[in-house]
Amino acid sequence: VCDDVINLIPARVGAFFMVAAALFVPSCRPLGALRIMWRDADKLTSANNGWPVAAIAGALHLSLAGPRALGGVLIEDKWVGIGTAKPTARDIK
């Protein structure tokens, strides 16, 4: 809980930095980053992690997070974003 309180503002500021950065990358979608951030930020189990993840998913037109194993434990997060869940080397570039 202390971690959630301490990172409340930095997570949101960081997400807005992701939106701003998308303005300078021709293949990114800054409006998509903003739209997905507002729509999906609360989908993850972490109160703060959803903000930057949603901004990145929207900027890159990807679906991120979703169900996954972490340290042998299944995390039942929802998908964030509306694009493909399988990024390619082009997405990373």
N, C-alpha and C. Protein backbone atom coordinates (compact mmCIF):
# COMPACT_ATOMS: atom_id res chain seq x y z
N VAL A 1 0.83 -1.20 0.00
CA VAL A 1 0.00 0.00 0.00
C VAL A 1 0.87 1.25 0.00
N CYS A 2 1.95 1.25 0.75
CA CYS A 2 2.86 2.39 0.78
C CYS A 2 3.45 2.65 -0.61
N ASP A 3 3.80 1.57 -1.30
CA ASP A 3 4.32 1.68 -2.66
C ASP A 3 3.30 2.34 -3.58
N ASP A 4 2.03 1.97 -3.45
CA ASP A 4 0.99 2.56 -4.28
C ASP A 4 0.86 4.06 -4.03
N VAL A 5 0.95 4.47 -2.80
CA VAL A 5 0.84 5.90 -2.47
C VAL A 5 2.04 6.67 -2.98
N ILE A 6 3.23 6.14 -2.76
CA ILE A 6 4.46 6.82 -3.18
C ILE A 6 4.52 6.98 -4.70
N ASN A 7 4.02 5.99 -5.44
CA ASN A 7 4.12 6.01 -6.90
C ASN A 7 2.87 6.55 -7.59
N LEU A 8 1.92 7.03 -6.85
CA LEU A 8 0.67 7.54 -7.43
C LEU A 8 0.93 8.63 -8.47
N ILE A 9 1.65 9.65 -8.11
CA ILE A 9 1.93 10.76 -9.02
C ILE A 9 3.00 10.39 -10.06
N PRO A 10 4.13 9.77 -9.67
CA PRO A 10 5.14 9.44 -10.68
C PRO A 10 4.63 8.53 -11.79
N ALA A 11 3.74 7.60 -11.49
CA ALA A 11 3.20 6.70 -12.53
C ALA A 11 2.41 7.49 -13.56
N ARG A 12 1.63 8.43 -13.12
CA ARG A 12 0.81 9.22 -14.03
C ARG A 12 1.66 10.21 -14.83
N VAL A 13 2.62 10.83 -14.17
CA VAL A 13 3.54 11.74 -14.87
C VAL A 13 4.33 10.97 -15.92
N GLY A 14 4.82 9.80 -15.55
CA GLY A 14 5.56 8.97 -16.49
C GLY A 14 4.71 8.59 -17.70
N ALA A 15 3.44 8.32 -17.48
CA ALA A 15 2.54 7.98 -18.58
C ALA A 15 2.38 9.17 -19.53
N PHE A 16 2.26 10.36 -18.97
CA PHE A 16 2.15 11.55 -19.83
C PHE A 16 3.45 11.82 -20.58
N PHE A 17 4.59 11.47 -19.99
CA PHE A 17 5.86 11.56 -20.72
C PHE A 17 5.87 10.60 -21.90
N MET A 18 5.27 9.43 -21.74
CA MET A 18 5.17 8.46 -22.84
C MET A 18 4.32 9.04 -23.97
N VAL A 19 3.23 9.69 -23.61
CA VAL A 19 2.37 10.33 -24.62
C VAL A 19 3.16 11.42 -25.34
N ALA A 20 3.88 12.24 -24.58
CA ALA A 20 4.67 13.31 -25.18
C ALA A 20 5.78 12.75 -26.08
N ALA A 21 6.42 11.68 -25.65
CA ALA A 21 7.48 11.07 -26.46
C ALA A 21 6.91 10.54 -27.78
N ALA A 22 5.68 10.07 -27.75
CA ALA A 22 5.06 9.54 -28.98
C ALA A 22 4.90 10.62 -30.05
N LEU A 23 4.90 11.88 -29.64
CA LEU A 23 4.82 12.98 -30.60
C LEU A 23 6.04 13.04 -31.51
N PHE A 24 7.17 12.53 -31.03
CA PHE A 24 8.43 12.65 -31.75
C PHE A 24 8.86 11.38 -32.47
N VAL A 25 8.04 10.36 -32.41
CA VAL A 25 8.34 9.10 -33.09
C VAL A 25 7.30 8.91 -34.19
N PRO A 26 7.73 8.98 -35.45
CA PRO A 26 6.78 8.96 -36.56
C PRO A 26 5.81 7.77 -36.56
N SER A 27 6.26 6.60 -36.12
CA SER A 27 5.40 5.42 -36.16
C SER A 27 4.46 5.31 -34.96
N CYS A 28 4.60 6.20 -33.98
CA CYS A 28 3.76 6.16 -32.79
C CYS A 28 2.48 6.97 -32.97
N ARG A 29 1.53 6.70 -32.13
CA ARG A 29 0.23 7.36 -32.17
C ARG A 29 -0.01 8.08 -30.84
N PRO A 30 0.34 9.37 -30.74
CA PRO A 30 0.17 10.07 -29.47
C PRO A 30 -1.28 10.14 -29.01
N LEU A 31 -2.21 10.35 -29.92
CA LEU A 31 -3.63 10.39 -29.52
C LEU A 31 -4.11 9.01 -29.09
N GLY A 32 -3.60 7.98 -29.74
CA GLY A 32 -3.92 6.62 -29.32
C GLY A 32 -3.38 6.33 -27.93
N ALA A 33 -2.18 6.85 -27.66
CA ALA A 33 -1.58 6.68 -26.33
C ALA A 33 -2.46 7.32 -25.26
N LEU A 34 -2.92 8.52 -25.54
CA LEU A 34 -3.76 9.23 -24.58
C LEU A 34 -5.11 8.53 -24.40
N ARG A 35 -5.69 8.12 -25.51
CA ARG A 35 -7.01 7.47 -25.45
C ARG A 35 -6.96 6.15 -24.68
N ILE A 36 -5.98 5.31 -25.01
CA ILE A 36 -5.87 4.01 -24.34
C ILE A 36 -5.47 4.20 -22.88
N MET A 37 -4.63 5.18 -22.60
CA MET A 37 -4.25 5.45 -21.21
C MET A 37 -5.48 5.76 -20.37
N TRP A 38 -6.35 6.64 -20.86
CA TRP A 38 -7.56 6.99 -20.10
C TRP A 38 -8.51 5.80 -19.99
N ARG A 39 -8.59 5.00 -21.05
CA ARG A 39 -9.54 3.90 -21.08
C ARG A 39 -9.08 2.69 -20.26
N ASP A 40 -7.77 2.35 -20.34
CA ASP A 40 -7.31 1.07 -19.81
C ASP A 40 -6.41 1.14 -18.58
N ALA A 41 -6.10 2.33 -18.09
CA ALA A 41 -5.13 2.44 -17.00
C ALA A 41 -5.53 1.66 -15.76
N ASP A 42 -6.80 1.48 -15.53
CA ASP A 42 -7.25 0.79 -14.31
C ASP A 42 -7.47 -0.71 -14.51
N LYS A 43 -7.09 -1.26 -15.66
CA LYS A 43 -7.32 -2.67 -15.93
C LYS A 43 -6.33 -3.61 -15.24
N LEU A 44 -5.14 -3.12 -14.90
CA LEU A 44 -4.13 -3.99 -14.30
C LEU A 44 -4.33 -4.08 -12.79
N THR A 45 -3.79 -5.14 -12.21
CA THR A 45 -3.95 -5.33 -10.76
C THR A 45 -3.18 -4.28 -9.96
N SER A 46 -2.12 -3.74 -10.51
CA SER A 46 -1.37 -2.68 -9.85
C SER A 46 -2.08 -1.34 -10.07
N ALA A 47 -2.23 -0.58 -9.02
CA ALA A 47 -2.92 0.71 -9.12
C ALA A 47 -2.17 1.70 -10.00
N ASN A 48 -0.87 1.55 -10.11
CA ASN A 48 -0.07 2.52 -10.86
C ASN A 48 0.52 1.99 -12.16
N ASN A 49 0.76 0.72 -12.25
CA ASN A 49 1.41 0.14 -13.42
C ASN A 49 0.60 0.33 -14.70
N GLY A 50 -0.71 0.37 -14.59
CA GLY A 50 -1.56 0.48 -15.77
C GLY A 50 -1.39 1.76 -16.55
N TRP A 51 -1.02 2.85 -15.89
CA TRP A 51 -0.89 4.14 -16.58
C TRP A 51 0.19 4.12 -17.65
N PRO A 52 1.46 3.84 -17.33
CA PRO A 52 2.47 3.83 -18.39
C PRO A 52 2.29 2.68 -19.37
N VAL A 53 1.84 1.52 -18.89
CA VAL A 53 1.63 0.39 -19.79
C VAL A 53 0.56 0.73 -20.82
N ALA A 54 -0.54 1.34 -20.39
CA ALA A 54 -1.61 1.71 -21.31
C ALA A 54 -1.14 2.77 -22.30
N ALA A 55 -0.35 3.74 -21.83
CA ALA A 55 0.16 4.78 -22.74
C ALA A 55 1.04 4.16 -23.82
N ILE A 56 1.91 3.25 -23.43
CA ILE A 56 2.79 2.59 -24.40
C ILE A 56 1.99 1.72 -25.36
N ALA A 57 1.02 0.99 -24.83
CA ALA A 57 0.18 0.14 -25.69
C ALA A 57 -0.54 0.98 -26.73
N GLY A 58 -1.08 2.11 -26.32
CA GLY A 58 -1.78 2.98 -27.26
C GLY A 58 -0.85 3.62 -28.27
N ALA A 59 0.32 4.04 -27.82
CA ALA A 59 1.29 4.68 -28.72
C ALA A 59 1.79 3.72 -29.79
N LEU A 60 2.00 2.47 -29.42
CA LEU A 60 2.55 1.48 -30.34
C LEU A 60 1.48 0.62 -31.01
N HIS A 61 0.22 0.86 -30.66
CA HIS A 61 -0.90 0.08 -31.19
C HIS A 61 -0.70 -1.41 -30.91
N LEU A 62 -0.44 -1.71 -29.64
CA LEU A 62 -0.23 -3.09 -29.18
C LEU A 62 -1.22 -3.42 -28.07
N SER A 63 -1.35 -4.69 -27.78
CA SER A 63 -2.03 -5.14 -26.57
C SER A 63 -0.94 -5.67 -25.65
N LEU A 64 -0.90 -5.14 -24.45
CA LEU A 64 0.14 -5.51 -23.49
C LEU A 64 -0.49 -6.05 -22.21
N ALA A 65 0.33 -6.62 -21.37
CA ALA A 65 -0.04 -7.22 -20.09
C ALA A 65 -0.80 -8.51 -20.35
N GLY A 66 -2.04 -8.63 -19.93
CA GLY A 66 -2.80 -9.86 -20.10
C GLY A 66 -2.36 -10.93 -19.11
N PRO A 67 -2.98 -12.10 -19.18
CA PRO A 67 -2.59 -13.19 -18.27
C PRO A 67 -1.16 -13.63 -18.55
N ARG A 68 -0.39 -13.86 -17.49
CA ARG A 68 1.00 -14.27 -17.65
C ARG A 68 1.51 -14.90 -16.36
N ALA A 69 2.59 -15.64 -16.47
CA ALA A 69 3.23 -16.24 -15.30
C ALA A 69 4.39 -15.36 -14.87
N LEU A 70 4.47 -15.08 -13.60
CA LEU A 70 5.57 -14.29 -13.04
C LEU A 70 6.08 -15.03 -11.81
N GLY A 71 7.28 -15.56 -11.91
CA GLY A 71 7.85 -16.32 -10.81
C GLY A 71 7.05 -17.56 -10.48
N GLY A 72 6.46 -18.17 -11.50
CA GLY A 72 5.67 -19.38 -11.28
C GLY A 72 4.25 -19.13 -10.82
N VAL A 73 3.88 -17.85 -10.68
CA VAL A 73 2.53 -17.50 -10.24
C VAL A 73 1.77 -16.89 -11.41
N LEU A 74 0.56 -17.37 -11.64
CA LEU A 74 -0.25 -16.85 -12.72
C LEU A 74 -0.88 -15.52 -12.31
N ILE A 75 -0.66 -14.50 -13.12
CA ILE A 75 -1.26 -13.18 -12.89
C ILE A 75 -2.39 -13.03 -13.89
N GLU A 76 -3.58 -12.79 -13.40
CA GLU A 76 -4.78 -12.73 -14.24
C GLU A 76 -5.13 -11.30 -14.64
N ASP A 77 -4.16 -10.56 -15.17
CA ASP A 77 -4.45 -9.20 -15.63
C ASP A 77 -5.22 -9.23 -16.93
N LYS A 78 -5.96 -8.16 -17.18
CA LYS A 78 -6.66 -8.00 -18.44
C LYS A 78 -5.69 -7.46 -19.48
N TRP A 79 -6.06 -7.58 -20.74
CA TRP A 79 -5.26 -7.00 -21.81
C TRP A 79 -5.45 -5.49 -21.82
N VAL A 80 -4.38 -4.77 -22.10
CA VAL A 80 -4.39 -3.31 -22.19
C VAL A 80 -4.05 -2.94 -23.63
N GLY A 81 -4.88 -2.12 -24.27
CA GLY A 81 -4.65 -1.72 -25.65
C GLY A 81 -5.57 -2.45 -26.60
N ILE A 82 -5.43 -2.13 -27.91
CA ILE A 82 -6.32 -2.71 -28.90
C ILE A 82 -5.58 -3.35 -30.07
N GLY A 83 -4.27 -3.33 -30.06
CA GLY A 83 -3.50 -3.87 -31.18
C GLY A 83 -3.13 -5.32 -30.95
N THR A 84 -2.13 -5.76 -31.69
CA THR A 84 -1.66 -7.14 -31.58
C THR A 84 -0.96 -7.38 -30.25
N ALA A 85 -1.04 -8.60 -29.77
CA ALA A 85 -0.36 -8.98 -28.54
C ALA A 85 1.00 -9.61 -28.83
N LYS A 86 1.38 -9.60 -30.11
CA LYS A 86 2.66 -10.20 -30.51
C LYS A 86 3.52 -9.14 -31.20
N PRO A 87 4.25 -8.35 -30.42
CA PRO A 87 5.10 -7.31 -31.02
C PRO A 87 6.18 -7.94 -31.89
N THR A 88 6.56 -7.22 -32.93
CA THR A 88 7.63 -7.66 -33.83
C THR A 88 8.85 -6.79 -33.62
N ALA A 89 9.93 -7.11 -34.32
CA ALA A 89 11.14 -6.31 -34.24
C ALA A 89 10.86 -4.87 -34.69
N ARG A 90 9.95 -4.70 -35.65
CA ARG A 90 9.57 -3.35 -36.12
C ARG A 90 8.95 -2.53 -34.99
N ASP A 91 8.12 -3.17 -34.15
CA ASP A 91 7.52 -2.47 -33.02
C ASP A 91 8.58 -2.02 -32.02
N ILE A 92 9.57 -2.86 -31.81
CA ILE A 92 10.64 -2.53 -30.86
C ILE A 92 11.51 -1.41 -31.39
N LYS A 93 11.75 -1.42 -32.71
CA LYS A 93 12.58 -0.38 -33.30
C LYS A 93 11.88 0.97 -33.15
